[in-house]
N, C-alpha and C. Protein backbone atom coordinates (compact mmCIF):
# COMPACT_ATOMS: atom_id res chain seq x y z
N MET A 1 127.84 71.56 102.91
CA MET A 1 127.36 70.31 102.36
C MET A 1 125.97 70.00 102.92
N GLN A 2 125.05 69.62 102.03
CA GLN A 2 123.70 69.28 102.45
C GLN A 2 123.64 67.84 102.95
N ALA A 3 122.75 67.61 103.91
CA ALA A 3 122.55 66.25 104.40
C ALA A 3 121.81 65.44 103.34
N ALA A 4 122.20 64.18 103.20
CA ALA A 4 121.52 63.29 102.26
C ALA A 4 120.12 62.98 102.81
N ILE A 5 119.19 62.75 101.88
CA ILE A 5 117.80 62.48 102.24
C ILE A 5 117.49 61.01 101.94
N CYS A 6 116.81 60.35 102.85
CA CYS A 6 116.39 58.96 102.65
C CYS A 6 115.37 58.91 101.51
N GLN A 7 115.59 58.01 100.57
CA GLN A 7 114.69 57.89 99.43
C GLN A 7 113.40 57.17 99.78
N GLY A 8 113.33 56.61 100.97
CA GLY A 8 112.12 55.92 101.40
C GLY A 8 111.17 56.79 102.18
N CYS A 9 111.72 57.55 103.14
CA CYS A 9 110.85 58.34 104.02
C CYS A 9 111.02 59.84 103.86
N GLY A 10 112.09 60.28 103.20
CA GLY A 10 112.30 61.71 102.98
C GLY A 10 112.97 62.43 104.14
N GLU A 11 113.34 61.71 105.18
CA GLU A 11 114.02 62.32 106.33
C GLU A 11 115.53 62.36 106.08
N PRO A 12 116.24 63.29 106.73
CA PRO A 12 117.70 63.35 106.55
C PRO A 12 118.38 62.07 107.06
N LEU A 13 119.42 61.66 106.34
CA LEU A 13 120.20 60.50 106.75
C LEU A 13 121.32 60.94 107.68
N PRO A 14 121.83 60.05 108.51
CA PRO A 14 122.96 60.41 109.37
C PRO A 14 124.19 60.72 108.51
N PRO A 15 125.16 61.44 109.06
CA PRO A 15 126.37 61.76 108.28
C PRO A 15 127.02 60.47 107.75
N PRO A 16 127.51 60.51 106.51
CA PRO A 16 128.08 59.30 105.91
C PRO A 16 129.41 58.91 106.55
N SER A 17 129.70 57.65 106.46
CA SER A 17 130.98 57.12 106.91
C SER A 17 132.04 57.57 105.90
N PRO A 18 133.29 57.75 106.32
CA PRO A 18 134.31 58.17 105.36
C PRO A 18 134.62 57.10 104.31
N ARG A 19 134.20 55.87 104.55
CA ARG A 19 134.46 54.80 103.59
C ARG A 19 133.15 54.25 103.02
N GLY A 20 133.25 53.69 101.84
CA GLY A 20 132.10 53.03 101.23
C GLY A 20 131.12 54.01 100.59
N ARG A 21 130.07 53.45 100.06
CA ARG A 21 129.04 54.26 99.42
C ARG A 21 128.19 54.94 100.48
N PRO A 22 127.71 56.13 100.17
CA PRO A 22 126.79 56.78 101.12
C PRO A 22 125.45 56.05 101.14
N ALA A 23 124.81 56.05 102.29
CA ALA A 23 123.52 55.38 102.43
C ALA A 23 122.45 56.12 101.64
N ARG A 24 121.48 55.36 101.12
CA ARG A 24 120.34 55.97 100.42
C ARG A 24 119.06 55.79 101.21
N TYR A 25 119.09 54.88 102.18
CA TYR A 25 117.90 54.57 102.99
C TYR A 25 118.33 54.44 104.45
N HIS A 26 117.36 54.60 105.35
CA HIS A 26 117.63 54.36 106.77
C HIS A 26 117.80 52.87 107.04
N GLY A 27 117.09 52.05 106.33
CA GLY A 27 117.16 50.61 106.56
C GLY A 27 116.23 49.88 105.61
N PRO A 28 115.99 48.60 105.87
CA PRO A 28 115.16 47.79 104.97
C PRO A 28 113.73 48.31 104.80
N ALA A 29 113.14 48.85 105.85
CA ALA A 29 111.76 49.34 105.73
C ALA A 29 111.69 50.52 104.75
N CYS A 30 112.66 51.42 104.83
CA CYS A 30 112.67 52.57 103.91
C CYS A 30 112.98 52.12 102.49
N ARG A 31 113.86 51.13 102.35
CA ARG A 31 114.18 50.60 101.02
C ARG A 31 112.93 49.99 100.39
N GLN A 32 112.16 49.22 101.16
CA GLN A 32 110.93 48.61 100.66
C GLN A 32 109.89 49.67 100.32
N ARG A 33 109.76 50.70 101.15
CA ARG A 33 108.81 51.78 100.89
C ARG A 33 109.14 52.47 99.57
N ALA A 34 110.42 52.73 99.31
CA ALA A 34 110.83 53.37 98.06
C ALA A 34 110.55 52.46 96.86
N HIS A 35 110.82 51.17 97.03
CA HIS A 35 110.55 50.21 95.94
C HIS A 35 109.07 50.18 95.60
N ARG A 36 108.22 50.13 96.61
CA ARG A 36 106.77 50.11 96.37
C ARG A 36 106.30 51.40 95.72
N ALA A 37 106.86 52.52 96.11
CA ALA A 37 106.47 53.81 95.51
C ALA A 37 106.86 53.84 94.03
N ARG A 38 108.06 53.34 93.70
CA ARG A 38 108.48 53.30 92.29
C ARG A 38 107.57 52.39 91.49
N ARG A 39 107.23 51.26 92.05
CA ARG A 39 106.36 50.32 91.35
C ARG A 39 104.97 50.91 91.13
N ARG A 40 104.43 51.56 92.15
CA ARG A 40 103.11 52.21 92.03
C ARG A 40 103.13 53.28 90.94
N ALA A 41 104.21 54.06 90.88
CA ALA A 41 104.32 55.11 89.86
C ALA A 41 104.31 54.51 88.46
N HIS A 42 104.97 53.37 88.28
CA HIS A 42 105.00 52.72 86.96
C HIS A 42 103.59 52.26 86.56
N VAL A 43 102.86 51.69 87.50
CA VAL A 43 101.50 51.21 87.21
C VAL A 43 100.59 52.38 86.86
N ILE A 44 100.72 53.48 87.58
CA ILE A 44 99.89 54.66 87.31
C ILE A 44 100.20 55.22 85.93
N ASP A 45 101.49 55.31 85.56
CA ASP A 45 101.86 55.79 84.22
C ASP A 45 101.27 54.90 83.14
N ARG A 46 101.34 53.60 83.34
CA ARG A 46 100.80 52.65 82.36
C ARG A 46 99.29 52.82 82.22
N ASP A 47 98.60 53.00 83.35
CA ASP A 47 97.15 53.18 83.31
C ASP A 47 96.77 54.48 82.60
N TRP A 48 97.51 55.56 82.84
CA TRP A 48 97.20 56.82 82.16
C TRP A 48 97.41 56.70 80.66
N ALA A 49 98.44 55.98 80.23
CA ALA A 49 98.67 55.78 78.80
C ALA A 49 97.51 55.00 78.17
N ALA A 50 97.03 53.98 78.87
CA ALA A 50 95.89 53.20 78.36
C ALA A 50 94.64 54.07 78.29
N LEU A 51 94.44 54.92 79.29
CA LEU A 51 93.28 55.82 79.29
C LEU A 51 93.37 56.81 78.13
N ASP A 52 94.57 57.30 77.83
CA ASP A 52 94.75 58.20 76.68
C ASP A 52 94.36 57.50 75.38
N ASP A 53 94.71 56.22 75.24
CA ASP A 53 94.33 55.46 74.04
C ASP A 53 92.81 55.39 73.91
N VAL A 54 92.12 55.15 75.03
CA VAL A 54 90.65 55.10 75.01
C VAL A 54 90.08 56.47 74.64
N ASP A 55 90.62 57.53 75.23
CA ASP A 55 90.14 58.89 74.92
C ASP A 55 90.30 59.23 73.44
N MET A 56 91.46 58.86 72.86
CA MET A 56 91.68 59.15 71.43
C MET A 56 90.71 58.35 70.56
N ALA A 57 90.44 57.11 70.93
CA ALA A 57 89.50 56.30 70.16
C ALA A 57 88.09 56.89 70.25
N ILE A 58 87.69 57.37 71.42
CA ILE A 58 86.38 58.02 71.57
C ILE A 58 86.30 59.25 70.69
N ALA A 59 87.36 60.05 70.67
CA ALA A 59 87.38 61.25 69.83
C ALA A 59 87.24 60.88 68.35
N ASP A 60 87.89 59.79 67.93
CA ASP A 60 87.77 59.35 66.54
C ASP A 60 86.33 58.95 66.21
N VAL A 61 85.68 58.22 67.11
CA VAL A 61 84.29 57.81 66.89
C VAL A 61 83.40 59.05 66.77
N ARG A 62 83.57 60.00 67.67
CA ARG A 62 82.75 61.23 67.63
C ARG A 62 82.97 62.00 66.33
N ARG A 63 84.23 62.11 65.93
CA ARG A 63 84.55 62.86 64.71
C ARG A 63 83.90 62.19 63.49
N LEU A 64 84.00 60.88 63.39
CA LEU A 64 83.42 60.18 62.25
C LEU A 64 81.90 60.28 62.25
N MET A 65 81.29 60.15 63.42
CA MET A 65 79.82 60.25 63.49
C MET A 65 79.35 61.66 63.17
N ALA A 66 80.10 62.66 63.60
CA ALA A 66 79.72 64.05 63.34
C ALA A 66 79.80 64.39 61.86
N THR A 67 80.70 63.72 61.14
CA THR A 67 80.84 63.99 59.71
C THR A 67 80.01 63.03 58.86
N GLY A 68 79.25 62.15 59.51
CA GLY A 68 78.39 61.23 58.77
C GLY A 68 79.11 60.05 58.17
N ARG A 69 80.36 59.82 58.58
CA ARG A 69 81.12 58.69 58.04
C ARG A 69 80.92 57.46 58.92
N ASP A 70 81.24 56.32 58.36
CA ASP A 70 81.05 55.04 59.06
C ASP A 70 82.06 54.92 60.21
N PRO A 71 81.59 54.79 61.45
CA PRO A 71 82.49 54.75 62.60
C PRO A 71 82.93 53.33 63.00
N ARG A 72 82.62 52.31 62.19
CA ARG A 72 82.90 50.93 62.61
C ARG A 72 84.37 50.67 62.91
N SER A 73 85.27 51.17 62.07
CA SER A 73 86.70 50.91 62.32
C SER A 73 87.14 51.63 63.60
N ALA A 74 86.63 52.84 63.82
CA ALA A 74 86.97 53.57 65.05
C ALA A 74 86.36 52.89 66.27
N LEU A 75 85.16 52.33 66.12
CA LEU A 75 84.54 51.60 67.23
C LEU A 75 85.35 50.35 67.57
N ALA A 76 85.89 49.68 66.56
CA ALA A 76 86.74 48.51 66.81
C ALA A 76 88.00 48.92 67.57
N ARG A 77 88.61 50.08 67.18
CA ARG A 77 89.78 50.58 67.90
C ARG A 77 89.42 50.94 69.34
N LEU A 78 88.23 51.53 69.53
CA LEU A 78 87.78 51.87 70.88
C LEU A 78 87.61 50.62 71.73
N LEU A 79 86.99 49.60 71.16
CA LEU A 79 86.79 48.35 71.90
C LEU A 79 88.14 47.71 72.25
N THR A 80 89.07 47.72 71.30
CA THR A 80 90.40 47.17 71.55
C THR A 80 91.10 47.93 72.67
N ALA A 81 91.03 49.27 72.62
CA ALA A 81 91.67 50.09 73.66
C ALA A 81 91.03 49.84 75.02
N ALA A 82 89.71 49.72 75.05
CA ALA A 82 89.02 49.47 76.32
C ALA A 82 89.38 48.08 76.87
N LEU A 83 89.46 47.08 75.99
CA LEU A 83 89.85 45.74 76.43
C LEU A 83 91.28 45.72 76.94
N ASN A 84 92.17 46.45 76.26
CA ASN A 84 93.56 46.53 76.73
C ASN A 84 93.62 47.14 78.12
N MET A 85 92.85 48.20 78.34
CA MET A 85 92.84 48.84 79.65
C MET A 85 92.27 47.90 80.70
N ALA A 86 91.20 47.19 80.36
CA ALA A 86 90.61 46.24 81.31
C ALA A 86 91.61 45.13 81.65
N ASN A 87 92.35 44.67 80.65
CA ASN A 87 93.36 43.64 80.91
C ASN A 87 94.46 44.16 81.82
N LEU A 88 94.88 45.40 81.62
CA LEU A 88 95.90 45.99 82.49
C LEU A 88 95.45 46.04 83.93
N ARG A 89 94.19 46.31 84.14
CA ARG A 89 93.65 46.43 85.49
C ARG A 89 93.25 45.07 86.06
N GLY A 90 93.40 44.00 85.28
CA GLY A 90 93.06 42.67 85.77
C GLY A 90 91.57 42.38 85.77
N ILE A 91 90.80 43.18 85.03
CA ILE A 91 89.35 42.98 84.98
C ILE A 91 89.03 41.82 84.04
N LEU A 92 89.66 41.82 82.89
CA LEU A 92 89.46 40.76 81.91
C LEU A 92 90.81 40.11 81.66
N LEU A 93 90.85 38.82 81.67
CA LEU A 93 92.13 38.16 81.46
C LEU A 93 92.17 37.28 80.22
N SER A 94 91.02 36.97 79.63
CA SER A 94 91.04 36.03 78.51
C SER A 94 90.21 36.48 77.32
N VAL A 95 89.93 37.75 77.19
CA VAL A 95 89.12 38.23 76.07
C VAL A 95 90.06 38.73 74.98
N GLU A 96 89.84 38.25 73.77
CA GLU A 96 90.63 38.69 72.62
C GLU A 96 89.99 39.93 72.02
N PRO A 97 90.78 40.94 71.62
CA PRO A 97 90.19 42.09 70.95
C PRO A 97 89.63 41.67 69.59
N PRO A 98 88.58 42.35 69.13
CA PRO A 98 87.97 41.98 67.85
C PRO A 98 88.88 42.34 66.68
N ALA A 99 88.67 41.66 65.57
CA ALA A 99 89.38 42.01 64.35
C ALA A 99 88.82 43.34 63.85
N PRO A 100 89.67 44.19 63.25
CA PRO A 100 89.17 45.48 62.74
C PRO A 100 88.04 45.27 61.74
N ALA A 101 87.04 46.11 61.84
CA ALA A 101 85.88 46.02 60.95
C ALA A 101 86.26 46.48 59.56
N SER A 102 85.66 45.85 58.58
CA SER A 102 85.87 46.25 57.20
C SER A 102 85.15 47.57 56.96
N THR A 103 85.75 48.43 56.15
CA THR A 103 85.12 49.72 55.85
C THR A 103 84.15 49.62 54.69
N GLU A 104 84.07 48.43 54.06
CA GLU A 104 83.14 48.25 52.95
C GLU A 104 81.74 48.02 53.48
N ARG A 105 80.76 48.53 52.75
CA ARG A 105 79.36 48.31 53.14
C ARG A 105 78.80 47.16 52.33
N SER A 106 78.00 46.31 52.98
CA SER A 106 77.41 45.18 52.27
C SER A 106 76.05 45.51 51.77
């Protein structure tokens, strides 16, 4: 039988008691460390998803400009994606994304 590993510090846990649930942490400090690590991982995943949205919008703008088509709608998506990312990071808290640009030319 393998020794259980603390989810907070990664060190082996003492042998379990014959009764009750087996321990997952050495104590409150390890429990808090694991909680903070899980929370940090969630924030990082969210930030990477927002960055992917910005990257895709940039690719759309480049593709439209390279083909000579009007990039206004793609630029609006890019601005919206960038504002969403800024809001996630707490940079902007009260800016509304722009309405999508019309594809008609005046």
